[in-house]
Amino acid sequence: MDSAGLPFHRKSEVLRLTAAEVLPQLRHELPDTLPWPSAAEDPVPRPVPEAAR
């Protein structure tokens, strides 16, 4: 990311806002075109979160 001469605290705020507001909206609006395996096809066992037990 080009910092354009911004001080660190300003760059970190821009990154925080991007992660908190922009990226979730993009994930919601754009289709996921990567060939992710379904849960039944997932070769790597995943631990079940404690709250889900």
C-alpha atoms as a PDB file:
ATOM      1  CA  MET A   1       0.000   0.000   0.000  1.00  0.00           C
ATOM      2  CA  ASP A   2       1.401   3.383  -0.983  1.00  0.00           C
ATOM      3  CA  SER A   3       1.676   5.479   2.142  1.00  0.00           C
ATOM      4  CA  ALA A   4       1.868   8.805   0.273  1.00  0.00           C
ATOM      5  CA  GLY A   5       3.935  10.241   3.092  1.00  0.00           C
ATOM      6  CA  LEU A   6       1.244   9.698   5.727  1.00  0.00           C
ATOM      7  CA  PRO A   7       2.335   9.262   9.338  1.00  0.00           C
ATOM      8  CA  PHE A   8       2.065   5.754  10.784  1.00  0.00           C
ATOM      9  CA  HIS A   9      -1.012   6.466  12.936  1.00  0.00           C
ATOM     10  CA  ARG A  10      -2.919   7.675   9.874  1.00  0.00           C
ATOM     11  CA  LYS A  11      -1.856   4.667   7.760  1.00  0.00           C
ATOM     12  CA  SER A  12      -2.929   2.287  10.511  1.00  0.00           C
ATOM     13  CA  GLU A  13      -6.331   4.009  10.724  1.00  0.00           C
ATOM     14  CA  VAL A  14      -6.833   3.671   6.959  1.00  0.00           C
ATOM     15  CA  LEU A  15      -5.956  -0.027   7.124  1.00  0.00           C
ATOM     16  CA  ARG A  16      -8.271  -0.563  10.109  1.00  0.00           C
ATOM     17  CA  LEU A  17     -11.184   1.109   8.323  1.00  0.00           C
ATOM     18  CA  THR A  18     -10.509  -0.868   5.157  1.00  0.00           C
ATOM     19  CA  ALA A  19     -10.501  -4.156   7.073  1.00  0.00           C
ATOM     20  CA  ALA A  20     -13.566  -3.263   9.148  1.00  0.00           C
ATOM     21  CA  GLU A  21     -15.809  -1.615   6.554  1.00  0.00           C
ATOM     22  CA  VAL A  22     -14.642  -2.048   2.958  1.00  0.00           C
ATOM     23  CA  LEU A  23     -13.517  -5.679   2.818  1.00  0.00           C
ATOM     24  CA  PRO A  24     -16.625  -7.153   4.499  1.00  0.00           C
ATOM     25  CA  GLN A  25     -18.836  -5.255   2.042  1.00  0.00           C
ATOM     26  CA  LEU A  26     -16.805  -6.514  -0.927  1.00  0.00           C
ATOM     27  CA  ARG A  27     -17.011 -10.095   0.364  1.00  0.00           C
ATOM     28  CA  HIS A  28     -20.774  -9.711   0.650  1.00  0.00           C
ATOM     29  CA  GLU A  29     -21.303  -8.195  -2.806  1.00  0.00           C
ATOM     30  CA  LEU A  30     -18.797 -10.062  -4.968  1.00  0.00           C
ATOM     31  CA  PRO A  31     -19.237 -13.733  -5.826  1.00  0.00           C
ATOM     32  CA  ASP A  32     -16.655 -16.184  -4.561  1.00  0.00           C
ATOM     33  CA  THR A  33     -15.224 -17.626  -7.770  1.00  0.00           C
ATOM     34  CA  LEU A  34     -12.503 -19.737  -6.156  1.00  0.00           C
ATOM     35  CA  PRO A  35     -13.084 -23.486  -6.111  1.00  0.00           C
ATOM     36  CA  TRP A  36     -13.303 -23.925  -2.327  1.00  0.00           C
ATOM     37  CA  PRO A  37     -14.154 -27.470  -1.238  1.00  0.00           C
ATOM     38  CA  SER A  38     -17.451 -28.015   0.507  1.00  0.00           C
ATOM     39  CA  ALA A  39     -17.434 -29.183   4.128  1.00  0.00           C
ATOM     40  CA  ALA A  40     -17.998 -32.767   2.952  1.00  0.00           C
ATOM     41  CA  GLU A  41     -15.013 -32.545   0.574  1.00  0.00           C
ATOM     42  CA  ASP A  42     -12.665 -30.778   2.988  1.00  0.00           C
ATOM     43  CA  PRO A  43      -9.623 -33.073   3.383  1.00  0.00           C
ATOM     44  CA  VAL A  44      -8.352 -31.228   6.463  1.00  0.00           C
ATOM     45  CA  PRO A  45     -10.361 -31.901   9.630  1.00  0.00           C
ATOM     46  CA  ARG A  46     -11.320 -28.671  11.384  1.00  0.00           C
ATOM     47  CA  PRO A  47     -11.791 -28.439  15.146  1.00  0.00           C
ATOM     48  CA  VAL A  48     -15.339 -27.712  16.289  1.00  0.00           C
ATOM     49  CA  PRO A  49     -15.510 -24.471  18.305  1.00  0.00           C
ATOM     50  CA  GLU A  50     -16.330 -25.001  21.967  1.00  0.00           C
ATOM     51  CA  ALA A  51     -19.489 -22.875  21.662  1.00  0.00           C
ATOM     52  CA  ALA A  52     -20.845 -25.167  18.924  1.00  0.00           C
ATOM     53  CA  ARG A  53     -20.624 -28.305  21.066  1.00  0.00           C
END
